[in-house]
Amino acid sequence: MSVLILQIIIKQWDKSQRTEAHVSERANRPDKYPIKIPPAFYVLDKQCVIDQHGDDLQGGRIKYSQTTKNNIILDRFQIDLNTNVLEYSDTSATDDETKTLGSLENRWIQCKYNWRYSIFEKDMFYWLYEDITLNAICLQSLNEDLFLNSEPAIVYKNT
């Protein structure tokens, strides 16, 4: 039985953190990490590992679900467990376009996108900006350094 490994890295900031120093600090943060359990954890009867890094200013930012017996949704991504194919839904597109990025079978894919949305907190609205990276692969067993020891087969950027 193979294991789907999903590593998601979140960089969040508000309008006050758009200076060159802030941009440089965010750019110098890694876009891949070793996978350590915990804090990474198994879900869906140990079919999947989720490893989250970075910011989560509001708490509970990343949600996942199993829509059918064979599909997993994580943020803007969908993975078919039968084929191990990763799809990305571009919610910023007018037609909510879905792109097939490729197979995760024994090769990893890195997908990056950025986003912003309004937050209401302490009687005020403000913009929260995000830069999201997903590293994903499907393997027979978990290797802690798998993302560090190789380059992605596919890099997709929607920024």
Protein backbone atom coordinates (compact mmCIF):
# COMPACT_ATOMS: atom_id res chain seq x y z
CA MET A 1 0.00 0.00 0.00
CA SER A 2 1.38 3.39 -0.96
CA VAL A 3 1.35 6.58 1.13
CA LEU A 4 0.36 9.98 -0.21
CA ILE A 5 2.64 12.65 1.30
CA LEU A 6 1.39 16.24 1.26
CA GLN A 7 3.64 18.98 2.63
CA ILE A 8 2.11 22.45 2.65
CA ILE A 9 4.03 25.63 3.47
CA ILE A 10 2.14 28.84 4.23
CA LYS A 11 3.60 32.32 4.30
CA GLN A 12 1.09 34.94 5.50
CA TRP A 13 1.42 38.69 5.96
CA ASP A 14 -0.67 41.83 6.15
CA LYS A 15 -0.28 45.17 4.39
CA SER A 16 2.16 46.49 7.01
CA GLN A 17 4.62 43.68 6.14
CA ARG A 18 5.27 44.61 2.50
CA THR A 19 8.61 46.37 3.00
CA GLU A 20 11.76 45.15 1.23
CA ALA A 21 12.97 43.63 4.51
CA HIS A 22 9.74 41.66 4.93
CA VAL A 23 9.74 40.52 1.29
CA SER A 24 13.38 39.41 1.62
CA GLU A 25 12.68 37.52 4.86
CA ARG A 26 9.79 35.61 3.26
CA ALA A 27 11.83 34.87 0.13
CA ASN A 28 14.59 33.33 2.28
CA ARG A 29 12.27 30.85 3.98
CA PRO A 30 12.55 27.28 2.65
CA ASP A 31 10.02 25.80 0.25
CA LYS A 32 10.65 22.22 1.44
CA TYR A 33 11.33 20.61 4.82
CA PRO A 34 12.09 17.19 6.28
CA ILE A 35 8.97 15.28 7.30
CA LYS A 36 8.87 14.46 11.00
CA ILE A 37 5.98 12.67 12.69
CA PRO A 38 4.85 14.50 14.78
CA PRO A 39 4.13 17.31 13.93
CA ALA A 40 3.26 15.73 10.56
CA PHE A 41 0.37 13.31 10.95
CA TYR A 42 -1.40 10.45 9.22
CA VAL A 43 -5.01 10.75 8.04
CA LEU A 44 -7.52 8.65 6.13
CA ASP A 45 -6.58 5.28 7.62
CA LYS A 46 -2.85 6.02 7.20
CA GLN A 47 -3.23 6.48 3.44
CA CYS A 48 -1.97 10.07 3.67
CA VAL A 49 0.56 12.16 5.62
CA ILE A 50 -0.06 15.90 6.05
CA ASP A 51 2.92 18.05 7.00
CA GLN A 52 2.16 21.76 7.53
CA HIS A 53 4.80 24.47 7.97
CA GLY A 54 4.82 28.25 8.22
CA ASP A 55 2.18 30.71 9.25
CA ASP A 56 -1.41 30.15 10.24
CA LEU A 57 -2.38 33.49 11.75
CA GLN A 58 -6.10 32.72 11.96
CA GLY A 59 -5.70 29.06 12.98
CA GLY A 60 -7.13 26.13 11.05
CA ARG A 61 -6.14 27.57 7.66
CA ILE A 62 -5.59 24.25 5.90
CA LYS A 63 -8.53 21.91 5.68
CA TYR A 64 -8.64 18.51 4.05
CA SER A 65 -11.42 16.10 3.25
CA GLN A 66 -12.10 12.88 1.46
CA THR A 67 -14.92 13.73 -0.94
CA THR A 68 -15.43 10.21 -2.18
CA LYS A 69 -13.72 7.00 -1.32
CA ASN A 70 -11.03 7.80 -3.90
CA ASN A 71 -10.55 11.60 -3.81
CA ILE A 72 -8.77 13.84 -1.32
CA ILE A 73 -9.12 17.62 -1.31
CA LEU A 74 -6.52 19.80 0.43
CA ASP A 75 -6.92 23.56 -0.01
CA ARG A 76 -7.04 24.09 -3.83
CA PHE A 77 -5.75 20.63 -4.64
CA GLN A 78 -7.47 17.36 -5.44
CA ILE A 79 -5.78 13.97 -5.59
CA ASP A 80 -7.37 10.89 -7.11
CA LEU A 81 -6.21 7.97 -4.94
CA ASN A 82 -6.78 5.48 -7.79
CA THR A 83 -4.45 7.23 -10.22
CA ASN A 84 -2.42 9.43 -7.82
CA VAL A 85 -2.99 12.38 -10.15
CA LEU A 86 -2.75 15.89 -8.66
CA GLU A 87 -5.10 18.63 -9.84
CA TYR A 88 -5.05 22.34 -8.98
CA SER A 89 -8.18 24.53 -8.96
CA ASP A 90 -7.52 28.15 -9.81
CA THR A 91 -10.25 29.93 -7.87
CA SER A 92 -9.02 33.30 -9.13
CA ALA A 93 -9.94 32.36 -12.72
CA THR A 94 -13.37 33.42 -13.93
CA ASP A 95 -14.37 29.85 -14.78
CA ASP A 96 -12.79 28.19 -11.70
CA GLU A 97 -10.34 26.38 -13.97
CA THR A 98 -8.90 23.03 -12.88
CA LYS A 99 -5.45 22.04 -14.12
CA THR A 100 -4.09 18.50 -14.08
CA LEU A 101 -0.50 18.81 -12.85
CA GLY A 102 0.53 15.16 -13.18
CA SER A 103 1.04 11.84 -11.48
CA LEU A 104 2.53 11.68 -7.98
CA GLU A 105 3.59 8.06 -8.38
CA ASN A 106 7.24 7.91 -7.20
CA ARG A 107 7.92 11.51 -8.26
CA TRP A 108 7.13 14.73 -6.54
CA ILE A 109 5.38 17.83 -7.72
CA GLN A 110 5.75 21.32 -6.27
CA CYS A 111 2.93 23.82 -6.78
CA LYS A 112 3.00 27.47 -5.70
CA TYR A 113 0.30 30.12 -5.71
CA ASN A 114 -0.48 33.34 -3.89
CA TRP A 115 -3.75 34.76 -2.67
CA ARG A 116 -5.29 37.46 -0.54
CA TYR A 117 -8.53 37.75 1.35
CA SER A 118 -10.16 40.11 3.82
CA ILE A 119 -10.16 39.41 7.55
CA PHE A 120 -12.43 40.99 10.14
CA GLU A 121 -10.73 41.19 13.52
CA LYS A 122 -11.10 43.60 16.46
CA ASP A 123 -13.79 45.62 14.65
CA MET A 124 -11.52 46.14 11.63
CA PHE A 125 -11.14 44.68 8.13
CA TYR A 126 -7.70 44.10 6.66
CA TRP A 127 -6.10 42.11 3.83
CA LEU A 128 -4.24 38.92 4.62
CA TYR A 129 -1.81 37.90 1.88
CA GLU A 130 -0.56 34.34 1.36
CA ASP A 131 2.08 32.49 -0.56
CA ILE A 132 1.31 28.75 -0.56
CA THR A 133 3.61 25.90 -1.58
CA LEU A 134 2.48 22.28 -1.85
CA ASN A 135 5.02 19.47 -2.17
CA ALA A 136 3.34 16.16 -2.99
CA ILE A 137 4.36 12.59 -3.79
CA CYS A 138 3.04 9.04 -3.49
CA LEU A 139 5.55 6.40 -2.30
CA GLN A 140 5.57 2.90 -0.86
CA SER A 141 7.04 4.20 2.42
CA LEU A 142 7.76 7.51 4.11
CA ASN A 143 11.27 8.91 3.74
CA GLU A 144 11.89 11.85 6.09
CA ASP A 145 14.25 13.69 3.70
CA LEU A 146 12.56 12.89 0.40
CA PHE A 147 11.89 16.52 -0.55
CA LEU A 148 15.38 17.61 0.51
CA ASN A 149 17.30 14.91 -1.39
CA SER A 150 15.82 15.49 -4.85
CA GLU A 151 14.32 18.12 -7.09
CA PRO A 152 10.65 18.09 -8.10
CA ALA A 153 9.73 16.41 -11.39
CA ILE A 154 7.24 19.22 -12.01
CA VAL A 155 7.16 22.78 -10.66
CA TYR A 156 3.92 24.68 -11.25
CA LYS A 157 3.58 28.36 -10.34
CA ASN A 158 0.36 30.34 -10.39
CA THR A 159 1.59 33.61 -8.93
